[in-house]
Amino acid sequence: MRFRIVDTFTDKRFAGNPAAVVEVPRFPPVSVMQRTAYLIGLPTSAFVEPIAPAQYRVRWFTPYKEINLCGHATIASARHLFAAAGNAGHSKLTFVSDNGVLHTERVGELIAIDLPKAEIALAEPPPGLLEALGTDAVACAVSSDDILIEVESAAAVAAVRPDFTALARQPFRGHIVTARAASDADFVSRTFFPSLGVNEDQVCVTAHCKLAPYWAPRLGKGRLKALQLSERGGRLEVEDAGARVRVLGTAVLRDEDHMTVLDDEIDTRKGTLR
């Protein structure tokens, strides 16, 4: 099984948010995909299976768990597949997942992905959350699986040092800390997913499906520039499009010599090391 590493939301390699793209003729057993993602060791590995011209099935795995949606790994998949000879004439690719259909498109040097907009509601921070994050909240909002905490400034976002053990005990998939940007962007954020084995995601697309509807009415803009203040960092644009959110960003393929074969390490029948 060969994979390709793509760095998303950056214009240079080894920055932004990396993902592995594993292109397969058909999905292997779940245990094999999970073991492969663990061996690759990146925040997310996307497995893509062709089903029609410019259409693919997709599944996403962190090193420890399958997840129901991953935007940055889908953008990485699109970047890799747009470069394939069979897609030379296509400007759009469709990805079919168990969580719905995702559409990607080349927009100049950017790749856009269209995602469902999350419903968010203001709420009080649950007990222990702010202590686990080590910060104070200006406001708090929840969606079906994530919680968003607005803090007073971009500097406060950068200063967050979570207790990941305590954070993993909170009843949420992810924790989004955000603030208005001081300059060069409309808002900033950081995202934490310790319950999925990813303490801090470098750039999280699905979090922006909550951030776009949160910030768009507050800032009076339909399209916003966002900056993720992770160690590797990342820049992206988000557009509130009614029931959908459009996320646009760059993606950089790593060199061909970073493609690796894992079949010698995995028993493809059982998903275990040989």
C-alpha atoms as a PDB file:
ATOM      1  CA  MET A   1       0.000   0.000   0.000  1.00  0.00           C
ATOM      2  CA  ARG A   2       1.482   3.322  -1.085  1.00  0.00           C
ATOM      3  CA  PHE A   3       0.732   6.707   0.411  1.00  0.00           C
ATOM      4  CA  ARG A   4       1.485  10.320  -0.407  1.00  0.00           C
ATOM      5  CA  ILE A   5       2.005  13.072   2.152  1.00  0.00           C
ATOM      6  CA  VAL A   6       0.413  16.454   1.467  1.00  0.00           C
ATOM      7  CA  ASP A   7       0.864  19.600   3.572  1.00  0.00           C
ATOM      8  CA  THR A   8      -2.335  21.659   3.595  1.00  0.00           C
ATOM      9  CA  PHE A   9      -2.966  25.353   4.275  1.00  0.00           C
ATOM     10  CA  THR A  10       0.616  26.282   3.532  1.00  0.00           C
ATOM     11  CA  ASP A  11       2.720  27.152   0.511  1.00  0.00           C
ATOM     12  CA  LYS A  12       5.746  25.143   1.631  1.00  0.00           C
ATOM     13  CA  ARG A  13       6.482  21.585   2.672  1.00  0.00           C
ATOM     14  CA  PHE A  14       6.605  20.577   6.347  1.00  0.00           C
ATOM     15  CA  ALA A  15       4.275  23.380   7.417  1.00  0.00           C
ATOM     16  CA  GLY A  16       0.511  23.644   7.770  1.00  0.00           C
ATOM     17  CA  ASN A  17      -1.398  20.445   8.496  1.00  0.00           C
ATOM     18  CA  PRO A  18      -0.063  17.210   6.979  1.00  0.00           C
ATOM     19  CA  ALA A  19      -2.199  14.309   5.825  1.00  0.00           C
ATOM     20  CA  ALA A  20      -1.486  11.008   4.146  1.00  0.00           C
ATOM     21  CA  VAL A  21      -3.478   9.977   1.086  1.00  0.00           C
ATOM     22  CA  VAL A  22      -3.755   6.229   0.494  1.00  0.00           C
ATOM     23  CA  GLU A  23      -5.241   5.497  -2.925  1.00  0.00           C
ATOM     24  CA  VAL A  24      -6.611   1.930  -3.129  1.00  0.00           C
ATOM     25  CA  PRO A  25      -8.615   0.033  -5.785  1.00  0.00           C
ATOM     26  CA  ARG A  26     -11.060  -0.903  -3.005  1.00  0.00           C
ATOM     27  CA  PHE A  27     -11.069  -0.424   0.734  1.00  0.00           C
ATOM     28  CA  PRO A  28      -9.145  -3.081   2.684  1.00  0.00           C
ATOM     29  CA  PRO A  29     -10.494  -4.309   6.052  1.00  0.00           C
ATOM     30  CA  VAL A  30     -10.929  -1.626   8.698  1.00  0.00           C
ATOM     31  CA  SER A  31      -8.204  -3.212  10.818  1.00  0.00           C
ATOM     32  CA  VAL A  32      -5.746  -2.795   7.942  1.00  0.00           C
ATOM     33  CA  MET A  33      -6.663   0.849   7.389  1.00  0.00           C
ATOM     34  CA  GLN A  34      -6.403   1.569  11.101  1.00  0.00           C
ATOM     35  CA  ARG A  35      -3.026  -0.145  11.398  1.00  0.00           C
ATOM     36  CA  THR A  36      -1.779   1.686   8.309  1.00  0.00           C
ATOM     37  CA  ALA A  37      -2.832   5.047   9.773  1.00  0.00           C
ATOM     38  CA  TYR A  38      -1.059   4.156  13.011  1.00  0.00           C
ATOM     39  CA  LEU A  39       2.160   3.291  11.180  1.00  0.00           C
ATOM     40  CA  ILE A  40       2.028   6.449   9.069  1.00  0.00           C
ATOM     41  CA  GLY A  41       1.577   8.431  12.269  1.00  0.00           C
ATOM     42  CA  LEU A  42       0.157  11.664  10.817  1.00  0.00           C
ATOM     43  CA  PRO A  43      -2.870  13.438  12.303  1.00  0.00           C
ATOM     44  CA  THR A  44      -5.134  11.909   9.636  1.00  0.00           C
ATOM     45  CA  SER A  45      -4.798   9.403   6.812  1.00  0.00           C
ATOM     46  CA  ALA A  46      -7.433   9.434   4.062  1.00  0.00           C
ATOM     47  CA  PHE A  47      -8.202   6.235   2.151  1.00  0.00           C
ATOM     48  CA  VAL A  48      -9.714   6.912  -1.278  1.00  0.00           C
ATOM     49  CA  GLU A  49     -11.351   4.396  -3.611  1.00  0.00           C
ATOM     50  CA  PRO A  50     -12.399   5.332  -7.183  1.00  0.00           C
ATOM     51  CA  ILE A  51     -16.077   4.743  -8.020  1.00  0.00           C
ATOM     52  CA  ALA A  52     -16.569   6.819 -11.212  1.00  0.00           C
ATOM     53  CA  PRO A  53     -14.696   9.471 -13.189  1.00  0.00           C
ATOM     54  CA  ALA A  54     -13.716  12.250 -10.748  1.00  0.00           C
ATOM     55  CA  GLN A  55     -15.609  10.485  -7.928  1.00  0.00           C
ATOM     56  CA  TYR A  56     -14.158   8.640  -4.932  1.00  0.00           C
ATOM     57  CA  ARG A  57     -15.261   7.023  -1.734  1.00  0.00           C
ATOM     58  CA  VAL A  58     -13.297   8.276   1.251  1.00  0.00           C
ATOM     59  CA  ARG A  59     -12.667   7.186   4.856  1.00  0.00           C
ATOM     60  CA  TRP A  60     -10.500   8.964   7.420  1.00  0.00           C
ATOM     61  CA  PHE A  61      -8.392   7.551  10.249  1.00  0.00           C
ATOM     62  CA  THR A  62      -6.313   9.150  12.970  1.00  0.00           C
ATOM     63  CA  PRO A  63      -3.539   6.910  14.339  1.00  0.00           C
ATOM     64  CA  TYR A  64      -6.040   5.586  16.886  1.00  0.00           C
ATOM     65  CA  LYS A  65      -9.575   5.918  15.545  1.00  0.00           C
ATOM     66  CA  GLU A  66     -11.744   6.243  12.442  1.00  0.00           C
ATOM     67  CA  ILE A  67     -13.448   9.652  12.292  1.00  0.00           C
ATOM     68  CA  ASN A  68     -16.620  10.730  10.542  1.00  0.00           C
ATOM     69  CA  LEU A  69     -15.253  13.800   8.728  1.00  0.00           C
ATOM     70  CA  CYS A  70     -11.880  15.387   7.995  1.00  0.00           C
ATOM     71  CA  GLY A  71     -11.653  18.406   5.765  1.00  0.00           C
ATOM     72  CA  HIS A  72      -7.896  18.880   5.599  1.00  0.00           C
ATOM     73  CA  ALA A  73      -7.298  15.246   4.586  1.00  0.00           C
ATOM     74  CA  THR A  74      -9.983  15.624   1.894  1.00  0.00           C
ATOM     75  CA  ILE A  75      -8.242  18.725   0.548  1.00  0.00           C
ATOM     76  CA  ALA A  76      -4.986  16.741   0.633  1.00  0.00           C
ATOM     77  CA  SER A  77      -6.689  13.938  -1.290  1.00  0.00           C
ATOM     78  CA  ALA A  78      -7.978  16.381  -3.889  1.00  0.00           C
ATOM     79  CA  ARG A  79      -4.520  17.923  -4.301  1.00  0.00           C
ATOM     80  CA  HIS A  80      -2.980  14.477  -4.840  1.00  0.00           C
ATOM     81  CA  LEU A  81      -5.729  13.275  -7.191  1.00  0.00           C
ATOM     82  CA  PHE A  82      -5.860  16.465  -9.259  1.00  0.00           C
ATOM     83  CA  ALA A  83      -2.224  15.728 -10.133  1.00  0.00           C
ATOM     84  CA  ALA A  84      -3.082  12.235 -11.407  1.00  0.00           C
ATOM     85  CA  ALA A  85      -3.170  11.710 -15.168  1.00  0.00           C
ATOM     86  CA  GLY A  86      -6.762  10.442 -15.073  1.00  0.00           C
ATOM     87  CA  ASN A  87      -8.006  13.733 -13.609  1.00  0.00           C
ATOM     88  CA  ALA A  88      -6.101  16.097 -15.897  1.00  0.00           C
ATOM     89  CA  GLY A  89      -9.289  17.478 -17.457  1.00  0.00           C
ATOM     90  CA  HIS A  90     -11.265  17.854 -14.240  1.00  0.00           C
ATOM     91  CA  SER A  91     -11.558  20.967 -12.089  1.00  0.00           C
ATOM     92  CA  LYS A  92     -13.890  19.329  -9.566  1.00  0.00           C
ATOM     93  CA  LEU A  93     -13.691  16.074  -7.600  1.00  0.00           C
ATOM     94  CA  THR A  94     -16.428  14.491  -5.490  1.00  0.00           C
ATOM     95  CA  PHE A  95     -15.820  12.442  -2.335  1.00  0.00           C
ATOM     96  CA  VAL A  96     -18.546  10.167  -0.979  1.00  0.00           C
ATOM     97  CA  SER A  97     -18.399   9.342   2.720  1.00  0.00           C
ATOM     98  CA  ASP A  98     -20.729   7.799   5.279  1.00  0.00           C
ATOM     99  CA  ASN A  99     -21.241  11.370   6.530  1.00  0.00           C
ATOM    100  CA  GLY A 100     -22.377  12.727   3.164  1.00  0.00           C
ATOM    101  CA  VAL A 101     -20.968  13.942  -0.150  1.00  0.00           C
ATOM    102  CA  LEU A 102     -18.104  16.450  -0.254  1.00  0.00           C
ATOM    103  CA  HIS A 103     -17.254  18.555  -3.296  1.00  0.00           C
ATOM    104  CA  THR A 104     -13.777  19.930  -4.001  1.00  0.00           C
ATOM    105  CA  GLU A 105     -12.729  22.388  -6.678  1.00  0.00           C
ATOM    106  CA  ARG A 106      -9.570  24.006  -8.018  1.00  0.00           C
ATOM    107  CA  VAL A 107      -9.800  27.789  -7.617  1.00  0.00           C
ATOM    108  CA  GLY A 108      -6.595  29.197  -9.060  1.00  0.00           C
ATOM    109  CA  GLU A 109      -3.806  28.062  -6.745  1.00  0.00           C
ATOM    110  CA  LEU A 110      -6.302  27.149  -4.015  1.00  0.00           C
ATOM    111  CA  ILE A 111      -8.462  24.107  -3.400  1.00  0.00           C
ATOM    112  CA  ALA A 112     -11.978  24.697  -2.119  1.00  0.00           C
ATOM    113  CA  ILE A 113     -14.076  22.202  -0.190  1.00  0.00           C
ATOM    114  CA  ASP A 114     -17.802  22.493   0.432  1.00  0.00           C
ATOM    115  CA  LEU A 115     -19.002  21.222   3.824  1.00  0.00           C
ATOM    116  CA  PRO A 116     -22.224  21.222   5.845  1.00  0.00           C
ATOM    117  CA  LYS A 117     -22.454  24.206   8.192  1.00  0.00           C
ATOM    118  CA  ALA A 118     -22.718  23.199  11.833  1.00  0.00           C
ATOM    119  CA  GLU A 119     -25.543  24.385  14.052  1.00  0.00           C
ATOM    120  CA  ILE A 120     -24.124  26.179  17.078  1.00  0.00           C
ATOM    121  CA  ALA A 121     -25.772  27.492  20.220  1.00  0.00           C
ATOM    122  CA  LEU A 122     -24.436  29.679  22.995  1.00  0.00           C
ATOM    123  CA  ALA A 123     -23.972  27.830  26.272  1.00  0.00           C
ATOM    124  CA  GLU A 124     -22.217  27.986  29.610  1.00  0.00           C
ATOM    125  CA  PRO A 125     -18.805  26.266  29.791  1.00  0.00           C
ATOM    126  CA  PRO A 126     -19.236  22.840  31.404  1.00  0.00           C
ATOM    127  CA  PRO A 127     -17.570  22.197  34.766  1.00  0.00           C
ATOM    128  CA  GLY A 128     -13.813  21.733  34.512  1.00  0.00           C
ATOM    129  CA  LEU A 129     -13.450  22.881  30.895  1.00  0.00           C
ATOM    130  CA  LEU A 130     -11.822  26.273  31.491  1.00  0.00           C
ATOM    131  CA  GLU A 131      -9.560  24.778  34.143  1.00  0.00           C
ATOM    132  CA  ALA A 132      -8.467  22.073  31.664  1.00  0.00           C
ATOM    133  CA  LEU A 133      -7.744  24.744  29.057  1.00  0.00           C
ATOM    134  CA  GLY A 134      -6.152  27.143  31.527  1.00  0.00           C
ATOM    135  CA  THR A 135      -8.029  30.189  30.241  1.00  0.00           C
ATOM    136  CA  ASP A 136     -11.033  32.429  30.799  1.00  0.00           C
ATOM    137  CA  ALA A 137     -13.960  32.642  28.379  1.00  0.00           C
ATOM    138  CA  VAL A 138     -15.636  35.640  26.774  1.00  0.00           C
ATOM    139  CA  ALA A 139     -18.333  33.334  25.336  1.00  0.00           C
ATOM    140  CA  CYS A 140     -18.958  29.656  24.731  1.00  0.00           C
ATOM    141  CA  ALA A 141     -20.943  27.795  22.053  1.00  0.00           C
ATOM    142  CA  VAL A 142     -21.601  24.118  21.416  1.00  0.00           C
ATOM    143  CA  SER A 143     -22.370  22.024  18.350  1.00  0.00           C
ATOM    144  CA  SER A 144     -23.225  18.351  18.126  1.00  0.00           C
ATOM    145  CA  ASP A 145     -19.674  17.188  18.809  1.00  0.00           C
ATOM    146  CA  ASP A 146     -17.387  20.178  19.482  1.00  0.00           C
ATOM    147  CA  ILE A 147     -17.301  23.102  21.886  1.00  0.00           C
ATOM    148  CA  LEU A 148     -16.102  26.588  20.974  1.00  0.00           C
ATOM    149  CA  ILE A 149     -14.582  28.971  23.504  1.00  0.00           C
ATOM    150  CA  GLU A 150     -14.026  32.617  22.607  1.00  0.00           C
ATOM    151  CA  VAL A 151     -11.250  34.312  24.591  1.00  0.00           C
ATOM    152  CA  GLU A 152     -10.289  37.970  24.845  1.00  0.00           C
ATOM    153  CA  SER A 153      -7.448  38.172  22.300  1.00  0.00           C
ATOM    154  CA  ALA A 154      -5.222  36.367  19.815  1.00  0.00           C
ATOM    155  CA  ALA A 155      -2.494  36.475  22.463  1.00  0.00           C
ATOM    156  CA  ALA A 156      -4.790  34.601  24.853  1.00  0.00           C
ATOM    157  CA  VAL A 157      -5.375  31.928  22.185  1.00  0.00           C
ATOM    158  CA  ALA A 158      -1.619  31.517  21.716  1.00  0.00           C
ATOM    159  CA  ALA A 159      -1.091  31.296  25.490  1.00  0.00           C
ATOM    160  CA  VAL A 160      -3.443  28.334  26.058  1.00  0.00           C
ATOM    161  CA  ARG A 161      -1.603  25.338  27.546  1.00  0.00           C
ATOM    162  CA  PRO A 162      -4.209  22.585  28.018  1.00  0.00           C
ATOM    163  CA  ASP A 163      -4.182  19.725  30.487  1.00  0.00           C
ATOM    164  CA  PHE A 164      -4.872  17.118  27.799  1.00  0.00           C
ATOM    165  CA  THR A 165      -5.716  14.330  30.251  1.00  0.00           C
ATOM    166  CA  ALA A 166      -8.418  16.476  31.822  1.00  0.00           C
ATOM    167  CA  LEU A 167      -9.560  17.754  28.439  1.00  0.00           C
ATOM    168  CA  ALA A 168     -10.012  14.211  27.125  1.00  0.00           C
ATOM    169  CA  ARG A 169     -12.521  13.576  29.924  1.00  0.00           C
ATOM    170  CA  GLN A 170     -14.781  16.362  28.672  1.00  0.00           C
ATOM    171  CA  PRO A 171     -17.877  15.157  26.735  1.00  0.00           C
ATOM    172  CA  PHE A 172     -16.760  16.592  23.389  1.00  0.00           C
ATOM    173  CA  ARG A 173     -14.890  15.383  20.311  1.00  0.00           C
ATOM    174  CA  GLY A 174     -13.005  18.656  19.966  1.00  0.00           C
ATOM    175  CA  HIS A 175     -12.294  21.930  21.739  1.00  0.00           C
ATOM    176  CA  ILE A 176     -11.950  25.130  19.689  1.00  0.00           C
ATOM    177  CA  VAL A 177     -10.368  28.215  21.242  1.00  0.00           C
ATOM    178  CA  THR A 178     -10.803  31.385  19.194  1.00  0.00           C
ATOM    179  CA  ALA A 179     -10.574  35.189  19.225  1.00  0.00           C
ATOM    180  CA  ARG A 180     -10.740  38.162  16.903  1.00  0.00           C
ATOM    181  CA  ALA A 181      -7.462  38.649  15.088  1.00  0.00           C
ATOM    182  CA  ALA A 182      -5.321  41.689  15.835  1.00  0.00           C
ATOM    183  CA  SER A 183      -4.285  42.022  12.152  1.00  0.00           C
ATOM    184  CA  ASP A 184      -3.713  40.054   8.928  1.00  0.00           C
ATOM    185  CA  ALA A 185      -6.838  37.912   9.472  1.00  0.00           C
ATOM    186  CA  ASP A 186     -10.392  38.177  10.770  1.00  0.00           C
ATOM    187  CA  PHE A 187     -10.103  35.586  13.517  1.00  0.00           C
ATOM    188  CA  VAL A 188      -7.628  33.094  14.948  1.00  0.00           C
ATOM    189  CA  SER A 189      -8.089  29.685  16.535  1.00  0.00           C
ATOM    190  CA  ARG A 190      -6.496  26.582  17.980  1.00  0.00           C
ATOM    191  CA  THR A 191      -8.142  23.147  18.098  1.00  0.00           C
ATOM    192  CA  PHE A 192      -7.618  20.238  20.484  1.00  0.00           C
ATOM    193  CA  PHE A 193      -8.769  16.605  20.067  1.00  0.00           C
ATOM    194  CA  PRO A 194      -7.119  14.543  22.836  1.00  0.00           C
ATOM    195  CA  SER A 195      -9.943  11.976  22.879  1.00  0.00           C
ATOM    196  CA  LEU A 196      -9.006  11.117  19.257  1.00  0.00           C
ATOM    197  CA  GLY A 197      -5.290  10.825  20.000  1.00  0.00           C
ATOM    198  CA  VAL A 198      -4.527  14.245  18.446  1.00  0.00           C
ATOM    199  CA  ASN A 199      -3.771  16.680  21.259  1.00  0.00           C
ATOM    200  CA  GLU A 200      -3.627  19.679  18.940  1.00  0.00           C
ATOM    201  CA  ASP A 201      -4.686  19.673  15.299  1.00  0.00           C
ATOM    202  CA  GLN A 202      -2.471  21.936  13.234  1.00  0.00           C
ATOM    203  CA  VAL A 203      -5.281  23.242  10.992  1.00  0.00           C
ATOM    204  CA  CYS A 204      -8.797  21.855  11.403  1.00  0.00           C
ATOM    205  CA  VAL A 205     -11.271  22.337   8.550  1.00  0.00           C
ATOM    206  CA  THR A 206     -14.295  20.887  10.336  1.00  0.00           C
ATOM    207  CA  ALA A 207     -13.762  23.315  13.223  1.00  0.00           C
ATOM    208  CA  HIS A 208     -14.221  26.117  10.701  1.00  0.00           C
ATOM    209  CA  CYS A 209     -17.702  24.784   9.951  1.00  0.00           C
ATOM    210  CA  LYS A 210     -18.433  26.071  13.474  1.00  0.00           C
ATOM    211  CA  LEU A 211     -16.141  29.108  13.351  1.00  0.00           C
ATOM    212  CA  ALA A 212     -17.642  30.493  10.119  1.00  0.00           C
ATOM    213  CA  PRO A 213     -21.229  30.748  11.442  1.00  0.00           C
ATOM    214  CA  TYR A 214     -19.901  31.997  14.788  1.00  0.00           C
ATOM    215  CA  TRP A 215     -17.773  34.858  13.411  1.00  0.00           C
ATOM    216  CA  ALA A 216     -19.617  35.846  10.201  1.00  0.00           C
ATOM    217  CA  PRO A 217     -22.524  37.625  11.964  1.00  0.00           C
ATOM    218  CA  ARG A 218     -20.226  39.127  14.596  1.00  0.00           C
ATOM    219  CA  LEU A 219     -17.877  40.611  12.023  1.00  0.00           C
ATOM    220  CA  GLY A 220     -20.525  41.384   9.399  1.00  0.00           C
ATOM    221  CA  LYS A 221     -18.697  39.449   6.664  1.00  0.00           C
ATOM    222  CA  GLY A 222     -19.674  36.504   4.496  1.00  0.00           C
ATOM    223  CA  ARG A 223     -16.081  35.577   3.637  1.00  0.00           C
ATOM    224  CA  LEU A 224     -13.376  35.667   6.268  1.00  0.00           C
ATOM    225  CA  LYS A 225      -9.641  35.125   6.553  1.00  0.00           C
ATOM    226  CA  ALA A 226      -8.581  32.743   9.291  1.00  0.00           C
ATOM    227  CA  LEU A 227      -5.295  31.944  10.963  1.00  0.00           C
ATOM    228  CA  GLN A 228      -4.661  28.837  13.043  1.00  0.00           C
ATOM    229  CA  LEU A 229      -2.059  29.521  15.737  1.00  0.00           C
ATOM    230  CA  SER A 230      -0.678  25.997  16.043  1.00  0.00           C
ATOM    231  CA  GLU A 231       3.012  25.160  16.083  1.00  0.00           C
ATOM    232  CA  ARG A 232       3.092  24.623  12.307  1.00  0.00           C
ATOM    233  CA  GLY A 233       0.407  27.222  11.661  1.00  0.00           C
ATOM    234  CA  GLY A 234      -1.914  27.601   8.717  1.00  0.00           C
ATOM    235  CA  ARG A 235      -3.931  30.128   6.729  1.00  0.00           C
ATOM    236  CA  LEU A 236      -7.300  29.595   5.126  1.00  0.00           C
ATOM    237  CA  GLU A 237     -10.395  31.409   3.965  1.00  0.00           C
ATOM    238  CA  VAL A 238     -13.950  30.516   4.928  1.00  0.00           C
ATOM    239  CA  GLU A 239     -17.213  31.513   3.322  1.00  0.00           C
ATOM    240  CA  ASP A 240     -20.593  31.276   5.037  1.00  0.00           C
ATOM    241  CA  ALA A 241     -22.836  30.044   2.205  1.00  0.00           C
ATOM    242  CA  GLY A 242     -26.192  29.453   3.832  1.00  0.00           C
ATOM    243  CA  ALA A 243     -26.478  25.810   4.823  1.00  0.00           C
ATOM    244  CA  ARG A 244     -22.895  25.168   3.706  1.00  0.00           C
ATOM    245  CA  VAL A 245     -19.418  26.434   4.515  1.00  0.00           C
ATOM    246  CA  ARG A 246     -16.797  26.787   1.803  1.00  0.00           C
ATOM    247  CA  VAL A 247     -13.192  26.458   2.960  1.00  0.00           C
ATOM    248  CA  LEU A 248     -10.321  27.435   0.670  1.00  0.00           C
ATOM    249  CA  GLY A 249      -6.622  26.817   1.121  1.00  0.00           C
ATOM    250  CA  THR A 250      -3.362  25.771  -0.444  1.00  0.00           C
ATOM    251  CA  ALA A 251      -1.880  22.271  -0.438  1.00  0.00           C
ATOM    252  CA  VAL A 252       1.669  21.173  -1.229  1.00  0.00           C
ATOM    253  CA  LEU A 253       2.667  17.697  -2.392  1.00  0.00           C
ATOM    254  CA  ARG A 254       5.814  16.328  -0.846  1.00  0.00           C
ATOM    255  CA  ASP A 255       8.399  14.813  -3.201  1.00  0.00           C
ATOM    256  CA  GLU A 256       7.768  11.459  -4.832  1.00  0.00           C
ATOM    257  CA  ASP A 257      10.508   9.873  -2.733  1.00  0.00           C
ATOM    258  CA  HIS A 258       8.273  10.319   0.305  1.00  0.00           C
ATOM    259  CA  MET A 259       5.876   7.718  -1.126  1.00  0.00           C
ATOM    260  CA  THR A 260       6.237   4.535   0.889  1.00  0.00           C
ATOM    261  CA  VAL A 261       5.080   0.941   0.613  1.00  0.00           C
ATOM    262  CA  LEU A 262       3.626  -0.541   3.820  1.00  0.00           C
ATOM    263  CA  ASP A 263       2.603  -4.000   2.610  1.00  0.00           C
ATOM    264  CA  ASP A 264       5.770  -5.594   3.973  1.00  0.00           C
ATOM    265  CA  GLU A 265       4.904  -4.335   7.463  1.00  0.00           C
ATOM    266  CA  ILE A 266       1.194  -5.158   7.595  1.00  0.00           C
ATOM    267  CA  ASP A 267      -0.618  -8.460   7.337  1.00  0.00           C
ATOM    268  CA  THR A 268      -3.335  -7.249   4.971  1.00  0.00           C
ATOM    269  CA  ARG A 269      -5.640 -10.027   6.109  1.00  0.00           C
ATOM    270  CA  LYS A 270      -5.533  -9.131   9.801  1.00  0.00           C
ATOM    271  CA  GLY A 271      -4.171  -5.608  10.031  1.00  0.00           C
ATOM    272  CA  THR A 272      -1.326  -6.672  12.302  1.00  0.00           C
ATOM    273  CA  LEU A 273       2.424  -6.368  12.053  1.00  0.00           C
ATOM    274  CA  ARG A 274       4.171  -9.237  10.311  1.00  0.00           C
END
